[in-house]
């Protein structure tokens, strides 16, 4: 069996490597976005759907609910409780909010389609869809990680779930910060 400290370091290192890759990808997309905006006359300026601001609030609240699980995971691990039920409840709420965020993104895309702003409408709409869809796919990956954590909290001794919790929380908070960056970029540049 891998000692707790090593499991925690391994999971954290894996998430940091993933965050580095995701950051590089969005940095490259941002660079292409800025260069393309300045290089052509076919750039269409449009307002981002107002629903994105509601989605932002949902994602930020989900980070908060995930933090509410932290003391419960730590307490259960320290006391040797077999299951961390209180933590599992907050992780389930976070999962629901994550799914609500993705559903909100789908509704925002449908709103743009109803306005005639499609992926192929121009470079600005294409970048909007690429940024938001790629982010939503990464959020879905985070939801899969949270689902795994939720199952671990209900089935395994809490100390085994603690490294998973740390890694999942790091990734989820990164998704929230990345979304804030993307929303600011899209709001200012579109």
N, C-alpha and C. Protein backbone atom coordinates (compact mmCIF):
# COMPACT_ATOMS: atom_id res chain seq x y z
N UNK A 1 0.83 -1.17 0.00
CA UNK A 1 0.00 0.00 0.00
C UNK A 1 0.89 1.24 0.00
N UNK A 2 0.48 2.26 -0.76
CA UNK A 2 1.23 3.51 -0.84
C UNK A 2 0.92 4.35 0.39
N UNK A 3 1.96 4.85 1.05
CA UNK A 3 1.71 5.71 2.21
C UNK A 3 0.91 6.96 1.81
N UNK A 4 0.18 7.51 2.78
CA UNK A 4 -0.70 8.66 2.52
C UNK A 4 0.04 9.83 1.89
N UNK A 5 1.20 10.17 2.42
CA UNK A 5 1.94 11.34 1.92
C UNK A 5 2.33 11.15 0.47
N UNK A 6 2.80 9.95 0.12
CA UNK A 6 3.19 9.68 -1.27
C UNK A 6 1.98 9.71 -2.20
N UNK A 7 0.86 9.17 -1.78
CA UNK A 7 -0.35 9.19 -2.60
C UNK A 7 -0.82 10.62 -2.81
N UNK A 8 -0.73 11.42 -1.76
CA UNK A 8 -1.13 12.83 -1.86
C UNK A 8 -0.23 13.58 -2.82
N UNK A 9 1.07 13.37 -2.71
CA UNK A 9 2.02 14.04 -3.60
C UNK A 9 1.82 13.60 -5.04
N UNK A 10 1.61 12.32 -5.25
CA UNK A 10 1.43 11.81 -6.61
C UNK A 10 0.18 12.40 -7.25
N UNK A 11 -0.92 12.43 -6.52
CA UNK A 11 -2.15 12.97 -7.09
C UNK A 11 -2.02 14.47 -7.33
N UNK A 12 -1.40 15.19 -6.41
CA UNK A 12 -1.20 16.63 -6.59
C UNK A 12 -0.29 16.91 -7.79
N UNK A 13 0.76 16.13 -7.93
CA UNK A 13 1.68 16.31 -9.05
C UNK A 13 0.96 16.07 -10.38
N UNK A 14 0.15 15.04 -10.42
CA UNK A 14 -0.61 14.75 -11.64
C UNK A 14 -1.54 15.88 -12.01
N UNK A 15 -2.22 16.44 -11.01
CA UNK A 15 -3.14 17.55 -11.28
C UNK A 15 -2.36 18.79 -11.72
N UNK A 16 -1.24 19.07 -11.07
CA UNK A 16 -0.44 20.23 -11.47
C UNK A 16 0.07 20.08 -12.91
N UNK A 17 0.44 18.86 -13.29
CA UNK A 17 0.87 18.63 -14.68
C UNK A 17 -0.29 18.88 -15.64
N UNK A 18 -1.48 18.42 -15.28
CA UNK A 18 -2.65 18.68 -16.11
C UNK A 18 -2.97 20.16 -16.20
N UNK A 19 -2.88 20.86 -15.08
CA UNK A 19 -3.13 22.30 -15.06
C UNK A 19 -2.12 23.03 -15.95
N UNK A 20 -0.87 22.60 -15.91
CA UNK A 20 0.15 23.22 -16.76
C UNK A 20 -0.21 23.04 -18.24
N UNK A 21 -0.62 21.83 -18.62
CA UNK A 21 -1.00 21.58 -20.01
C UNK A 21 -2.22 22.38 -20.43
N UNK A 22 -3.21 22.44 -19.57
CA UNK A 22 -4.43 23.20 -19.87
C UNK A 22 -4.09 24.69 -19.99
N UNK A 23 -3.25 25.18 -19.10
CA UNK A 23 -2.84 26.59 -19.15
C UNK A 23 -2.12 26.90 -20.45
N UNK A 24 -1.23 26.02 -20.88
CA UNK A 24 -0.52 26.24 -22.14
C UNK A 24 -1.49 26.25 -23.32
N UNK A 25 -2.48 25.35 -23.30
CA UNK A 25 -3.45 25.30 -24.39
C UNK A 25 -4.26 26.60 -24.45
N UNK A 26 -4.76 27.06 -23.30
CA UNK A 26 -5.56 28.29 -23.31
C UNK A 26 -4.71 29.52 -23.58
N UNK A 27 -3.44 29.48 -23.22
CA UNK A 27 -2.53 30.58 -23.56
C UNK A 27 -2.35 30.65 -25.07
N UNK A 28 -2.17 29.51 -25.71
CA UNK A 28 -2.03 29.48 -27.17
C UNK A 28 -3.32 29.95 -27.84
N UNK A 29 -4.46 29.50 -27.33
CA UNK A 29 -5.74 29.94 -27.90
C UNK A 29 -5.94 31.45 -27.72
N UNK A 30 -5.55 31.96 -26.56
CA UNK A 30 -5.67 33.40 -26.32
C UNK A 30 -4.78 34.18 -27.28
N UNK A 31 -3.58 33.71 -27.49
CA UNK A 31 -2.67 34.37 -28.42
C UNK A 31 -3.26 34.38 -29.83
N UNK A 32 -3.78 33.24 -30.26
CA UNK A 32 -4.40 33.17 -31.58
C UNK A 32 -5.61 34.09 -31.67
N UNK A 33 -6.38 34.14 -30.61
CA UNK A 33 -7.57 35.00 -30.53
C UNK A 33 -7.19 36.46 -30.72
N UNK A 34 -6.20 36.94 -29.98
CA UNK A 34 -5.79 38.34 -30.04
C UNK A 34 -5.21 38.67 -31.41
N UNK A 35 -4.35 37.80 -31.92
CA UNK A 35 -3.74 38.04 -33.23
C UNK A 35 -4.81 38.06 -34.33
N UNK A 36 -5.72 37.08 -34.29
CA UNK A 36 -6.76 36.99 -35.32
C UNK A 36 -7.71 38.18 -35.26
N UNK A 37 -8.02 38.65 -34.07
CA UNK A 37 -8.92 39.80 -33.95
C UNK A 37 -8.32 41.03 -34.63
N UNK A 38 -7.04 41.20 -34.49
CA UNK A 38 -6.39 42.38 -35.06
C UNK A 38 -6.01 42.26 -36.52
N UNK A 39 -6.17 41.09 -37.10
CA UNK A 39 -5.65 40.90 -38.46
C UNK A 39 -6.70 40.86 -39.56
N UNK A 40 -7.96 41.02 -39.22
CA UNK A 40 -8.95 40.92 -40.29
C UNK A 40 -10.12 41.86 -40.09
N UNK A 41 -10.83 42.11 -41.17
CA UNK A 41 -11.99 42.98 -41.13
C UNK A 41 -13.29 42.20 -40.91
N UNK A 42 -13.18 40.90 -40.74
CA UNK A 42 -14.37 40.06 -40.63
C UNK A 42 -14.75 39.75 -39.18
N UNK A 43 -14.21 40.49 -38.25
CA UNK A 43 -14.48 40.25 -36.83
C UNK A 43 -15.85 40.81 -36.48
N UNK A 44 -16.72 39.99 -35.95
CA UNK A 44 -18.06 40.41 -35.54
C UNK A 44 -18.06 40.63 -34.03
N UNK A 45 -18.42 41.83 -33.61
CA UNK A 45 -18.53 42.09 -32.18
C UNK A 45 -19.95 41.74 -31.74
N UNK A 46 -20.07 41.02 -30.65
CA UNK A 46 -21.37 40.66 -30.10
C UNK A 46 -21.26 40.57 -28.58
N UNK A 47 -22.38 40.67 -27.95
CA UNK A 47 -22.42 40.56 -26.49
C UNK A 47 -22.47 39.08 -26.11
N UNK A 48 -21.70 38.74 -25.09
CA UNK A 48 -21.79 37.37 -24.60
C UNK A 48 -23.16 37.22 -23.94
N UNK A 49 -23.75 36.04 -24.03
CA UNK A 49 -25.06 35.84 -23.40
C UNK A 49 -25.02 36.14 -21.90
N UNK A 50 -26.04 36.83 -21.42
CA UNK A 50 -26.11 37.20 -20.00
C UNK A 50 -26.10 35.97 -19.09
N UNK A 51 -26.55 34.84 -19.62
CA UNK A 51 -26.57 33.61 -18.84
C UNK A 51 -25.16 33.21 -18.37
N UNK A 52 -24.13 33.65 -19.09
CA UNK A 52 -22.77 33.32 -18.69
C UNK A 52 -22.43 33.90 -17.31
N UNK A 53 -23.03 35.01 -16.96
CA UNK A 53 -22.78 35.61 -15.65
C UNK A 53 -23.44 34.78 -14.55
N UNK A 54 -24.60 34.25 -14.83
CA UNK A 54 -25.27 33.35 -13.89
C UNK A 54 -24.45 32.07 -13.75
N UNK A 55 -23.97 31.55 -14.88
CA UNK A 55 -23.13 30.35 -14.86
C UNK A 55 -21.87 30.58 -14.03
N UNK A 56 -21.33 31.79 -14.10
CA UNK A 56 -20.14 32.13 -13.32
C UNK A 56 -20.44 32.02 -11.83
N UNK A 57 -21.58 32.57 -11.44
CA UNK A 57 -21.98 32.49 -10.03
C UNK A 57 -22.15 31.03 -9.60
N UNK A 58 -22.76 30.22 -10.46
CA UNK A 58 -22.95 28.79 -10.15
C UNK A 58 -21.59 28.12 -9.94
N UNK A 59 -20.64 28.40 -10.82
CA UNK A 59 -19.32 27.76 -10.70
C UNK A 59 -18.59 28.23 -9.45
N UNK A 60 -18.69 29.51 -9.13
CA UNK A 60 -18.04 30.02 -7.92
C UNK A 60 -18.67 29.43 -6.66
N UNK A 61 -19.98 29.31 -6.64
CA UNK A 61 -20.66 28.69 -5.49
C UNK A 61 -20.23 27.23 -5.37
N UNK A 62 -20.04 26.56 -6.50
CA UNK A 62 -19.62 25.15 -6.45
C UNK A 62 -18.23 25.01 -5.84
N UNK A 63 -17.36 25.98 -6.07
CA UNK A 63 -16.05 25.96 -5.40
C UNK A 63 -16.23 26.11 -3.89
N UNK A 64 -17.17 26.95 -3.51
CA UNK A 64 -17.45 27.13 -2.09
C UNK A 64 -18.00 25.87 -1.44
N UNK A 65 -18.91 25.20 -2.12
CA UNK A 65 -19.48 23.98 -1.54
C UNK A 65 -18.43 22.88 -1.43
N UNK A 66 -17.51 22.86 -2.38
CA UNK A 66 -16.44 21.87 -2.30
C UNK A 66 -15.53 22.17 -1.10
N UNK A 67 -15.33 23.44 -0.80
CA UNK A 67 -14.54 23.81 0.37
C UNK A 67 -15.25 23.44 1.67
N UNK A 68 -16.58 23.44 1.66
CA UNK A 68 -17.32 23.04 2.87
C UNK A 68 -17.07 21.57 3.22
N UNK A 69 -16.66 20.78 2.25
CA UNK A 69 -16.35 19.38 2.51
C UNK A 69 -14.98 19.20 3.17
N UNK A 70 -14.08 20.17 3.00
CA UNK A 70 -12.69 20.03 3.47
C UNK A 70 -12.57 19.66 4.94
N UNK A 71 -13.18 20.41 5.86
CA UNK A 71 -13.00 20.04 7.28
C UNK A 71 -13.61 18.68 7.60
N UNK A 72 -14.64 18.29 6.89
CA UNK A 72 -15.28 16.99 7.14
C UNK A 72 -14.39 15.85 6.67
N UNK A 73 -13.71 16.04 5.54
CA UNK A 73 -12.77 15.02 5.05
C UNK A 73 -11.60 14.92 6.03
N UNK A 74 -11.06 16.05 6.44
CA UNK A 74 -9.91 16.05 7.37
C UNK A 74 -10.28 15.41 8.69
N UNK A 75 -11.45 15.78 9.23
CA UNK A 75 -11.89 15.23 10.51
C UNK A 75 -12.09 13.72 10.42
N UNK A 76 -12.74 13.28 9.33
CA UNK A 76 -12.99 11.84 9.18
C UNK A 76 -11.68 11.09 9.03
N UNK A 77 -10.71 11.67 8.31
CA UNK A 77 -9.42 11.01 8.13
C UNK A 77 -8.65 10.96 9.45
N UNK A 78 -8.70 12.04 10.22
CA UNK A 78 -7.97 12.08 11.49
C UNK A 78 -8.57 11.13 12.52
N UNK A 79 -9.89 11.01 12.52
CA UNK A 79 -10.56 10.15 13.51
C UNK A 79 -10.65 8.71 13.05
N UNK A 80 -10.29 8.45 11.82
CA UNK A 80 -10.34 7.09 11.31
C UNK A 80 -11.75 6.62 11.00
N UNK A 81 -12.67 7.55 10.77
CA UNK A 81 -14.03 7.15 10.41
C UNK A 81 -14.02 6.40 9.10
N UNK A 82 -14.85 5.40 9.01
CA UNK A 82 -14.90 4.58 7.80
C UNK A 82 -15.45 5.39 6.63
N UNK A 83 -16.42 6.24 6.88
CA UNK A 83 -17.00 7.02 5.79
C UNK A 83 -17.15 8.47 6.21
N UNK A 84 -17.00 9.34 5.26
CA UNK A 84 -17.12 10.77 5.50
C UNK A 84 -18.43 11.25 4.88
N UNK A 85 -19.54 10.91 5.50
CA UNK A 85 -20.85 11.21 4.93
C UNK A 85 -21.09 12.70 4.76
N UNK A 86 -20.71 13.51 5.75
CA UNK A 86 -20.92 14.95 5.64
C UNK A 86 -20.19 15.53 4.45
N UNK A 87 -18.97 15.04 4.23
CA UNK A 87 -18.20 15.51 3.07
C UNK A 87 -18.85 15.05 1.78
N UNK A 88 -19.35 13.83 1.77
CA UNK A 88 -19.97 13.29 0.55
C UNK A 88 -21.18 14.12 0.14
N UNK A 89 -21.91 14.65 1.11
CA UNK A 89 -23.08 15.48 0.80
C UNK A 89 -22.64 16.75 0.08
N UNK A 90 -21.59 17.41 0.59
CA UNK A 90 -21.12 18.65 -0.06
C UNK A 90 -20.51 18.38 -1.42
N UNK A 91 -19.86 17.25 -1.58
CA UNK A 91 -19.32 16.89 -2.90
C UNK A 91 -20.47 16.64 -3.87
N UNK A 92 -21.56 16.02 -3.40
CA UNK A 92 -22.73 15.80 -4.25
C UNK A 92 -23.36 17.13 -4.67
N UNK A 93 -23.41 18.09 -3.75
CA UNK A 93 -23.94 19.42 -4.10
C UNK A 93 -23.04 20.07 -5.15
N UNK A 94 -21.73 19.92 -4.99
CA UNK A 94 -20.79 20.47 -5.96
C UNK A 94 -20.99 19.82 -7.33
N UNK A 95 -21.19 18.50 -7.33
CA UNK A 95 -21.47 17.80 -8.59
C UNK A 95 -22.72 18.36 -9.27
N UNK A 96 -23.77 18.57 -8.50
CA UNK A 96 -25.01 19.10 -9.06
C UNK A 96 -24.79 20.49 -9.64
N UNK A 97 -24.05 21.32 -8.93
CA UNK A 97 -23.76 22.66 -9.43
C UNK A 97 -22.88 22.63 -10.68
N UNK A 98 -21.93 21.70 -10.72
CA UNK A 98 -21.10 21.54 -11.92
C UNK A 98 -21.94 21.16 -13.13
N UNK A 99 -22.87 20.24 -12.93
CA UNK A 99 -23.77 19.86 -14.02
C UNK A 99 -24.67 21.02 -14.42
N UNK A 100 -25.12 21.80 -13.45
CA UNK A 100 -25.93 22.98 -13.74
C UNK A 100 -25.13 23.99 -14.57
N UNK A 101 -23.84 24.15 -14.26
CA UNK A 101 -22.98 25.04 -15.04
C UNK A 101 -22.93 24.59 -16.50
N UNK A 102 -22.69 23.30 -16.71
CA UNK A 102 -22.59 22.79 -18.09
C UNK A 102 -23.92 22.95 -18.81
N UNK A 103 -25.03 22.66 -18.13
CA UNK A 103 -26.35 22.86 -18.75
C UNK A 103 -26.56 24.33 -19.10
N UNK A 104 -26.12 25.22 -18.22
CA UNK A 104 -26.21 26.65 -18.50
C UNK A 104 -25.39 27.05 -19.72
N UNK A 105 -24.23 26.41 -19.88
CA UNK A 105 -23.42 26.70 -21.07
C UNK A 105 -24.15 26.26 -22.34
N UNK A 106 -24.77 25.10 -22.28
CA UNK A 106 -25.54 24.61 -23.44
C UNK A 106 -26.65 25.60 -23.78
N UNK A 107 -27.34 26.10 -22.77
CA UNK A 107 -28.40 27.09 -23.00
C UNK A 107 -27.84 28.38 -23.59
N UNK A 108 -26.66 28.80 -23.15
CA UNK A 108 -26.03 30.00 -23.71
C UNK A 108 -25.67 29.78 -25.18
N UNK A 109 -25.17 28.60 -25.51
CA UNK A 109 -24.87 28.30 -26.91
C UNK A 109 -26.14 28.32 -27.75
N UNK A 110 -27.20 27.75 -27.21
CA UNK A 110 -28.48 27.75 -27.93
C UNK A 110 -28.99 29.17 -28.14
N UNK A 111 -28.75 30.04 -27.16
CA UNK A 111 -29.12 31.44 -27.28
C UNK A 111 -28.40 32.09 -28.45
N UNK A 112 -27.11 31.82 -28.57
CA UNK A 112 -26.34 32.38 -29.69
C UNK A 112 -26.81 31.82 -31.03
N UNK A 113 -27.09 30.55 -31.07
CA UNK A 113 -27.59 29.93 -32.30
C UNK A 113 -28.90 30.58 -32.72
N UNK A 114 -29.77 30.85 -31.75
CA UNK A 114 -31.06 31.50 -32.04
C UNK A 114 -30.86 32.90 -32.61
N UNK A 115 -29.75 33.54 -32.27
CA UNK A 115 -29.43 34.86 -32.82
C UNK A 115 -28.73 34.77 -34.17
N UNK A 116 -28.48 33.55 -34.63
CA UNK A 116 -27.78 33.36 -35.90
C UNK A 116 -26.27 33.41 -35.77
N UNK A 117 -25.76 33.36 -34.55
CA UNK A 117 -24.31 33.37 -34.32
C UNK A 117 -23.83 31.94 -34.16
N UNK A 118 -23.41 31.37 -35.27
CA UNK A 118 -22.98 29.97 -35.31
C UNK A 118 -21.46 29.87 -35.27
N UNK A 119 -20.97 28.68 -35.14
CA UNK A 119 -19.54 28.44 -35.16
C UNK A 119 -18.91 29.00 -36.44
N UNK A 120 -19.59 28.82 -37.55
CA UNK A 120 -19.06 29.25 -38.85
C UNK A 120 -19.44 30.68 -39.22
N UNK A 121 -20.04 31.43 -38.30
CA UNK A 121 -20.45 32.81 -38.61
C UNK A 121 -19.27 33.76 -38.78
N UNK A 122 -18.17 33.43 -38.19
CA UNK A 122 -16.99 34.28 -38.28
C UNK A 122 -15.98 33.87 -37.24
N UNK A 123 -14.81 34.48 -37.30
CA UNK A 123 -13.76 34.09 -36.35
C UNK A 123 -14.11 34.40 -34.89
N UNK A 124 -14.82 35.49 -34.63
CA UNK A 124 -15.14 35.82 -33.23
C UNK A 124 -16.07 34.78 -32.62
N UNK A 125 -17.09 34.36 -33.37
CA UNK A 125 -17.99 33.35 -32.83
C UNK A 125 -17.29 32.00 -32.72
N UNK A 126 -16.42 31.71 -33.68
CA UNK A 126 -15.68 30.44 -33.62
C UNK A 126 -14.82 30.40 -32.35
N UNK A 127 -14.12 31.49 -32.06
CA UNK A 127 -13.32 31.53 -30.85
C UNK A 127 -14.19 31.41 -29.61
N UNK A 128 -15.34 32.07 -29.60
CA UNK A 128 -16.24 31.98 -28.45
C UNK A 128 -16.61 30.53 -28.19
N UNK A 129 -17.05 29.83 -29.24
CA UNK A 129 -17.45 28.43 -29.07
C UNK A 129 -16.26 27.56 -28.66
N UNK A 130 -15.11 27.77 -29.27
CA UNK A 130 -13.94 26.95 -28.91
C UNK A 130 -13.58 27.15 -27.44
N UNK A 131 -13.47 28.40 -27.01
CA UNK A 131 -13.13 28.67 -25.61
C UNK A 131 -14.14 28.03 -24.65
N UNK A 132 -15.40 28.26 -24.90
CA UNK A 132 -16.41 27.80 -23.95
C UNK A 132 -16.64 26.29 -24.00
N UNK A 133 -16.56 25.72 -25.19
CA UNK A 133 -16.75 24.26 -25.29
C UNK A 133 -15.56 23.52 -24.68
N UNK A 134 -14.35 23.97 -24.98
CA UNK A 134 -13.17 23.30 -24.42
C UNK A 134 -13.18 23.42 -22.89
N UNK A 135 -13.57 24.58 -22.38
CA UNK A 135 -13.66 24.73 -20.93
C UNK A 135 -14.73 23.79 -20.37
N UNK A 136 -15.89 23.73 -21.01
CA UNK A 136 -16.97 22.85 -20.54
C UNK A 136 -16.53 21.38 -20.54
N UNK A 137 -15.75 21.00 -21.54
CA UNK A 137 -15.24 19.62 -21.57
C UNK A 137 -14.31 19.36 -20.39
N UNK A 138 -13.49 20.35 -20.05
CA UNK A 138 -12.62 20.19 -18.88
C UNK A 138 -13.43 20.16 -17.59
N UNK A 139 -14.51 20.93 -17.54
CA UNK A 139 -15.40 20.87 -16.36
C UNK A 139 -16.02 19.48 -16.26
N UNK A 140 -16.41 18.91 -17.40
CA UNK A 140 -16.95 17.54 -17.37
C UNK A 140 -15.91 16.55 -16.84
N UNK A 141 -14.64 16.77 -17.20
CA UNK A 141 -13.57 15.95 -16.63
C UNK A 141 -13.49 16.13 -15.13
N UNK A 142 -13.65 17.37 -14.66
CA UNK A 142 -13.67 17.64 -13.22
C UNK A 142 -14.86 16.97 -12.55
N UNK A 143 -16.00 16.95 -13.23
CA UNK A 143 -17.19 16.28 -12.70
C UNK A 143 -16.92 14.78 -12.55
N UNK A 144 -16.23 14.20 -13.52
CA UNK A 144 -15.87 12.78 -13.42
C UNK A 144 -14.97 12.55 -12.20
N UNK A 145 -14.01 13.45 -11.98
CA UNK A 145 -13.15 13.34 -10.81
C UNK A 145 -13.92 13.49 -9.51
N UNK A 146 -14.87 14.42 -9.49
CA UNK A 146 -15.69 14.61 -8.28
C UNK A 146 -16.59 13.40 -8.04
N UNK A 147 -17.08 12.81 -9.10
CA UNK A 147 -17.90 11.60 -8.97
C UNK A 147 -17.07 10.46 -8.37
N UNK A 148 -15.83 10.34 -8.83
CA UNK A 148 -14.92 9.34 -8.26
C UNK A 148 -14.68 9.63 -6.77
N UNK A 149 -14.44 10.90 -6.45
CA UNK A 149 -14.24 11.29 -5.05
C UNK A 149 -15.47 10.96 -4.22
N UNK A 150 -16.64 11.29 -4.73
CA UNK A 150 -17.88 11.04 -4.01
C UNK A 150 -18.04 9.55 -3.69
N UNK A 151 -17.72 8.71 -4.66
CA UNK A 151 -17.79 7.27 -4.42
C UNK A 151 -16.76 6.83 -3.39
N UNK A 152 -15.55 7.39 -3.46
CA UNK A 152 -14.50 7.04 -2.48
C UNK A 152 -14.90 7.45 -1.07
N UNK A 153 -15.55 8.61 -0.94
CA UNK A 153 -15.97 9.07 0.38
C UNK A 153 -17.03 8.16 0.99
N UNK A 154 -17.82 7.53 0.14
CA UNK A 154 -18.87 6.65 0.64
C UNK A 154 -18.44 5.21 0.84
N UNK A 155 -17.32 4.80 0.22
CA UNK A 155 -16.95 3.40 0.24
C UNK A 155 -15.64 3.10 0.95
N UNK A 156 -14.68 4.00 0.88
CA UNK A 156 -13.35 3.72 1.39
C UNK A 156 -13.13 4.44 2.72
N UNK A 157 -12.16 3.99 3.49
CA UNK A 157 -11.80 4.76 4.68
C UNK A 157 -11.43 6.18 4.28
N UNK A 158 -11.82 7.14 5.10
CA UNK A 158 -11.67 8.56 4.75
C UNK A 158 -10.22 8.93 4.45
N UNK A 159 -9.25 8.31 5.11
CA UNK A 159 -7.87 8.70 4.85
C UNK A 159 -7.44 8.33 3.43
N UNK A 160 -8.11 7.35 2.82
CA UNK A 160 -7.81 7.02 1.43
C UNK A 160 -8.43 8.04 0.47
N UNK A 161 -9.49 8.69 0.89
CA UNK A 161 -10.16 9.68 0.05
C UNK A 161 -9.47 11.04 0.13
N UNK A 162 -8.71 11.28 1.17
CA UNK A 162 -8.12 12.60 1.39
C UNK A 162 -7.21 13.05 0.24
N UNK A 163 -6.30 12.21 -0.28
CA UNK A 163 -5.48 12.67 -1.41
C UNK A 163 -6.32 12.95 -2.66
N UNK A 164 -7.36 12.15 -2.87
CA UNK A 164 -8.25 12.37 -4.01
C UNK A 164 -8.97 13.69 -3.84
N UNK A 165 -9.40 13.98 -2.61
CA UNK A 165 -10.08 15.24 -2.34
C UNK A 165 -9.16 16.43 -2.67
N UNK A 166 -7.93 16.37 -2.22
CA UNK A 166 -6.99 17.46 -2.48
C UNK A 166 -6.77 17.70 -3.95
N UNK A 167 -6.61 16.62 -4.72
CA UNK A 167 -6.38 16.75 -6.15
C UNK A 167 -7.64 17.27 -6.86
N UNK A 168 -8.79 16.72 -6.48
CA UNK A 168 -10.05 17.15 -7.12
C UNK A 168 -10.35 18.61 -6.82
N UNK A 169 -10.08 19.03 -5.60
CA UNK A 169 -10.33 20.42 -5.21
C UNK A 169 -9.41 21.37 -5.98
N UNK A 170 -8.15 21.02 -6.08
CA UNK A 170 -7.21 21.85 -6.83
C UNK A 170 -7.68 22.02 -8.27
N UNK A 171 -8.05 20.94 -8.90
CA UNK A 171 -8.51 21.00 -10.30
C UNK A 171 -9.79 21.82 -10.41
N UNK A 172 -10.74 21.60 -9.51
CA UNK A 172 -12.03 22.29 -9.59
C UNK A 172 -11.85 23.80 -9.41
N UNK A 173 -11.04 24.19 -8.45
CA UNK A 173 -10.79 25.62 -8.24
C UNK A 173 -10.08 26.23 -9.45
N UNK A 174 -9.20 25.47 -10.06
CA UNK A 174 -8.54 25.95 -11.27
C UNK A 174 -9.55 26.18 -12.38
N UNK A 175 -10.52 25.28 -12.53
CA UNK A 175 -11.57 25.46 -13.54
C UNK A 175 -12.35 26.75 -13.29
N UNK A 176 -12.61 27.08 -12.03
CA UNK A 176 -13.33 28.31 -11.70
C UNK A 176 -12.50 29.54 -12.06
N UNK A 177 -11.22 29.52 -11.71
CA UNK A 177 -10.34 30.65 -12.02
C UNK A 177 -10.19 30.78 -13.54
N UNK A 178 -10.02 29.67 -14.22
CA UNK A 178 -9.90 29.70 -15.68
C UNK A 178 -11.17 30.29 -16.30
N UNK A 179 -12.32 29.92 -15.77
CA UNK A 179 -13.57 30.47 -16.30
C UNK A 179 -13.65 31.97 -16.10
N UNK A 180 -13.23 32.47 -14.94
CA UNK A 180 -13.22 33.91 -14.70
C UNK A 180 -12.35 34.62 -15.73
N UNK A 181 -11.19 34.04 -16.01
CA UNK A 181 -10.29 34.60 -17.03
C UNK A 181 -10.97 34.61 -18.41
N UNK A 182 -11.57 33.48 -18.78
CA UNK A 182 -12.21 33.39 -20.09
C UNK A 182 -13.38 34.36 -20.22
N UNK A 183 -14.18 34.47 -19.18
CA UNK A 183 -15.31 35.38 -19.21
C UNK A 183 -14.82 36.82 -19.38
N UNK A 184 -13.79 37.19 -18.65
CA UNK A 184 -13.23 38.54 -18.77
C UNK A 184 -12.70 38.77 -20.19
N UNK A 185 -11.93 37.82 -20.70
CA UNK A 185 -11.38 37.92 -22.05
C UNK A 185 -12.49 38.08 -23.09
N UNK A 186 -13.49 37.24 -23.02
CA UNK A 186 -14.56 37.28 -24.01
C UNK A 186 -15.42 38.54 -23.88
N UNK A 187 -15.66 38.96 -22.66
CA UNK A 187 -16.47 40.16 -22.46
C UNK A 187 -15.76 41.40 -22.98
N UNK A 188 -14.46 41.49 -22.74
CA UNK A 188 -13.69 42.67 -23.13
C UNK A 188 -13.38 42.67 -24.62
N UNK A 189 -13.07 41.52 -25.20
CA UNK A 189 -12.59 41.47 -26.58
C UNK A 189 -13.66 41.22 -27.63
N UNK A 190 -14.85 40.77 -27.24
CA UNK A 190 -15.88 40.50 -28.25
C UNK A 190 -16.77 41.66 -28.49
